Amino acid sequence: MGQKKIKLEIWRVYLALAVILLLNTSLFAETYLCTRVVDGDTIVVKEVGKVRLIGVDTPETKHPRKPVEYFGKEAESFHQENGRRQES
């Protein structure tokens, strides 16, 4: 009876590890290349196109009908610098 409980516990551990491995999102993660920073909250991603970053609101720098807003260039520069850090 004692060995059956041990075997059952071992199988439970194996099952738990299998579930953890299957649910690990890093196994399914994909990497994409940012080809261009449009402004502080918009990038162009290879094979995807233009991407607006959710939750990021920066001053406009490339709007066709609006002037460059205060701190817009700084936000764009910050975004470009962070992108370079991710590549290395």
Protein backbone atom coordinates (compact mmCIF):
# COMPACT_ATOMS: atom_id res chain seq x y z
CA MET A 1 0.00 0.00 0.00
CA GLY A 2 2.86 2.39 0.79
CA GLN A 3 4.50 1.87 -2.61
CA LYS A 4 1.23 2.58 -4.44
CA LYS A 5 0.96 5.96 -2.68
CA ILE A 6 4.55 6.80 -3.56
CA LYS A 7 3.99 5.86 -7.22
CA LEU A 8 0.81 7.95 -7.26
CA GLU A 9 2.65 10.96 -5.83
CA ILE A 10 5.45 10.56 -8.39
CA TRP A 11 2.87 10.53 -11.21
CA ARG A 12 1.24 13.64 -9.76
CA VAL A 13 4.58 15.43 -9.77
CA TYR A 14 5.23 14.34 -13.38
CA LEU A 15 1.76 15.52 -14.37
CA ALA A 16 2.25 18.89 -12.66
CA LEU A 17 5.60 19.39 -14.39
CA ALA A 18 4.08 18.48 -17.75
CA VAL A 19 1.28 21.01 -17.28
CA ILE A 20 3.74 23.71 -16.27
CA LEU A 21 5.88 23.04 -19.35
CA LEU A 22 2.90 23.02 -21.70
CA LEU A 23 1.52 26.26 -20.31
CA ASN A 24 4.85 28.06 -20.37
CA THR A 25 4.30 30.86 -22.87
CA SER A 26 8.00 31.24 -23.57
CA LEU A 27 7.84 27.97 -25.50
CA PHE A 28 5.46 29.62 -27.97
CA ALA A 29 6.96 33.12 -28.04
CA GLU A 30 7.94 34.56 -31.39
CA THR A 31 10.49 37.25 -32.11
CA TYR A 32 9.81 40.09 -34.53
CA LEU A 33 12.14 42.75 -35.87
CA CYS A 34 11.34 46.43 -35.43
CA THR A 35 12.49 47.99 -38.69
CA ARG A 36 11.65 51.63 -37.92
CA VAL A 37 10.51 53.90 -35.11
CA VAL A 38 7.85 56.23 -36.50
CA ASP A 39 7.42 58.24 -33.32
CA GLY A 40 7.24 57.63 -29.57
CA ASP A 41 4.19 55.36 -29.72
CA THR A 42 4.32 53.87 -33.22
CA ILE A 43 6.80 51.40 -34.74
CA VAL A 44 7.05 49.43 -37.97
CA VAL A 45 7.55 45.68 -37.51
CA LYS A 46 8.92 43.45 -40.26
CA GLU A 47 6.23 41.16 -41.73
CA VAL A 48 3.54 42.87 -39.57
CA GLY A 49 3.50 46.54 -40.54
CA LYS A 50 2.73 49.64 -38.48
CA VAL A 51 2.08 48.95 -34.79
CA ARG A 52 0.63 51.42 -32.29
CA LEU A 53 1.77 50.66 -28.74
CA ILE A 54 -1.18 50.28 -26.36
CA GLY A 55 -0.96 52.37 -23.22
CA VAL A 56 1.77 54.61 -24.61
CA ASP A 57 0.79 58.20 -25.33
CA THR A 58 3.57 60.44 -26.54
CA PRO A 59 3.55 63.87 -28.16
CA GLU A 60 3.04 63.84 -31.92
CA THR A 61 6.08 64.29 -34.17
CA LYS A 62 4.90 62.94 -37.54
CA HIS A 63 1.25 64.01 -37.74
CA PRO A 64 0.52 65.46 -41.20
CA ARG A 65 -1.69 68.30 -39.89
CA LYS A 66 -0.19 69.02 -36.46
CA PRO A 67 3.09 70.67 -35.54
CA VAL A 68 5.69 68.78 -33.54
CA GLU A 69 4.46 68.86 -29.94
CA TYR A 70 6.58 69.64 -26.88
CA PHE A 71 8.93 66.82 -25.88
CA GLY A 72 7.96 64.85 -29.00
CA LYS A 73 11.53 64.51 -30.25
CA GLU A 74 12.72 63.43 -26.78
CA ALA A 75 10.03 60.73 -26.63
CA GLU A 76 11.01 59.46 -30.08
CA SER A 77 14.71 59.42 -29.14
CA PHE A 78 13.94 57.53 -25.93
CA HIS A 79 11.98 54.95 -27.91
CA GLN A 80 14.78 54.51 -30.45
CA GLU A 81 17.39 54.11 -27.70
CA ASN A 82 15.31 51.46 -25.89
CA GLY A 83 14.93 49.56 -29.14
CA ARG A 84 18.68 49.50 -29.64
CA ARG A 85 19.18 48.12 -26.14
CA GLN A 86 16.84 45.21 -26.90
CA GLU A 87 18.91 44.16 -29.92
CA SER A 88 22.22 43.76 -28.08
